[in-house]
Protein backbone atom coordinates (compact mmCIF):
# COMPACT_ATOMS: atom_id res chain seq x y z
CA MET A 1 147.15 -6.74 -30.58
CA ASN A 2 148.12 -9.55 -28.34
CA ASN A 3 151.31 -11.57 -28.46
CA ARG A 4 149.76 -14.38 -30.49
CA GLU A 5 148.60 -12.02 -33.23
CA LEU A 6 152.03 -10.39 -33.30
CA LEU A 7 153.73 -13.79 -33.57
CA ASP A 8 151.38 -14.82 -36.38
CA LYS A 9 152.04 -11.56 -38.21
CA MET A 10 155.79 -11.97 -37.68
CA ASP A 11 155.62 -15.55 -38.96
CA GLY A 12 153.77 -14.37 -42.07
CA LEU A 13 156.35 -11.66 -42.69
CA LEU A 14 159.18 -14.17 -42.29
CA ARG A 15 157.54 -16.49 -44.84
CA GLN A 16 157.15 -13.58 -47.26
CA ALA A 17 160.79 -12.61 -46.75
CA ASP A 18 161.91 -16.22 -47.34
CA PHE A 19 159.79 -16.39 -50.49
CA ALA A 20 161.25 -13.10 -51.72
CA GLU A 21 164.78 -14.26 -50.96
CA ASN A 22 164.25 -17.54 -52.83
CA ARG A 23 162.71 -15.68 -55.76
CA ILE A 24 165.65 -13.27 -55.91
CA ALA A 25 168.11 -16.17 -55.83
CA ALA A 26 166.24 -17.87 -58.68
CA ILE A 27 166.22 -14.66 -60.71
CA LEU A 28 169.95 -14.12 -60.14
CA THR A 29 170.68 -17.68 -61.26
CA GLU A 30 168.53 -17.21 -64.35
CA ASN A 31 170.29 -13.92 -65.06
CA GLN A 32 173.71 -15.60 -64.88
CA ASP A 33 172.50 -18.37 -67.20
CA LEU A 34 171.18 -15.79 -69.67
CA HIS A 35 174.47 -13.87 -69.60
CA ALA A 36 176.40 -17.07 -70.32
CA ARG A 37 174.00 -17.97 -73.14
CA ASN A 38 174.30 -14.46 -74.56
CA LYS A 39 178.11 -14.74 -74.63
CA ARG A 40 177.90 -18.11 -76.39
CA LEU A 41 175.49 -16.67 -78.96
CA GLU A 42 177.70 -13.63 -79.54
CA LEU A 43 180.70 -15.90 -80.11
CA ASN A 44 178.65 -18.06 -82.47
CA LEU A 45 177.52 -14.96 -84.36
CA ARG A 46 181.10 -13.71 -84.76
CA THR A 47 182.19 -17.14 -86.00
CA GLN A 48 179.33 -17.28 -88.50
CA LYS A 49 180.11 -13.76 -89.73
CA LYS A 50 183.73 -14.78 -90.34
CA GLU A 51 182.57 -17.89 -92.19
CA LEU A 52 180.15 -15.81 -94.26
CA ASP A 53 182.91 -13.34 -95.18
CA ALA A 54 185.17 -16.21 -96.20
CA LEU A 55 182.39 -17.74 -98.31
CA LYS A 56 181.71 -14.39 -99.98
CA GLU A 57 185.38 -14.03 -100.83
CA ALA A 58 185.50 -17.59 -102.17
CA PHE A 59 182.41 -16.88 -104.25
CA LYS A 60 184.01 -13.76 -105.73
CA THR A 61 187.14 -15.74 -106.54
CA LEU A 62 185.08 -18.49 -108.13
CA GLN A 63 183.17 -15.97 -110.23
CA LEU A 64 186.42 -14.43 -111.40
CA GLN A 65 187.90 -17.84 -112.24
CA ARG A 66 184.78 -18.73 -114.17
CA ALA A 67 184.89 -15.38 -115.91
CA LEU A 68 188.43 -16.00 -117.02
CA SER A 69 187.57 -19.48 -118.29
CA GLY A 70 186.71 -18.16 -121.71
CA HIS A 71 182.94 -18.07 -121.95
CA PRO A 72 181.94 -14.82 -123.72
CA ASP A 73 179.42 -13.80 -121.05
CA ALA A 74 181.91 -14.67 -118.35
CA ARG A 75 184.65 -12.64 -120.02
CA HIS A 76 182.35 -9.64 -120.21
CA GLN A 77 181.56 -9.97 -116.50
CA ALA A 78 185.26 -10.28 -115.74
CA LYS A 79 186.05 -7.12 -117.69
CA LEU A 80 183.34 -5.25 -115.81
CA LYS A 81 184.69 -6.50 -112.49
CA ILE A 82 188.28 -5.59 -113.38
CA ASN A 83 187.15 -2.12 -114.43
CA GLN A 84 185.34 -1.77 -111.11
CA PHE A 85 188.50 -2.77 -109.25
CA ILE A 86 190.54 -0.26 -111.25
CA ARG A 87 188.07 2.51 -110.40
CA GLU A 88 188.25 1.59 -106.70
CA ILE A 89 192.06 1.64 -106.82
CA ASP A 90 192.00 5.02 -108.59
CA GLN A 91 189.67 6.37 -105.87
CA CYS A 92 192.03 5.10 -103.17
CA LEU A 93 195.02 6.69 -104.89
CA ALA A 94 193.15 9.99 -105.23
CA GLN A 95 192.33 9.94 -101.52
CA LEU A 96 195.95 9.23 -100.65
CA GLN A 97 197.13 12.18 -102.73
CA GLU A 98 194.79 14.62 -100.96
């Protein structure tokens, strides 16, 4: 190989190295963006889970209020729910005594 061929080959390798370096930089930037997006989504998910839990609790409270309002079907549901709570409390007490 003569000097010209070596210089051409070296130039080609330098261009490939530059391309690879630019590609790596782009991938690293994209990776950082994806990590930031992932953190935002995780925070959003935690917030939505808290909101869902609060809504579930409000729904239970509303059902109990409606049950205590006096409608026969509602009273029956309330009695069933109260009995369920009593059973859960009894189970907790039994576990504490063990």
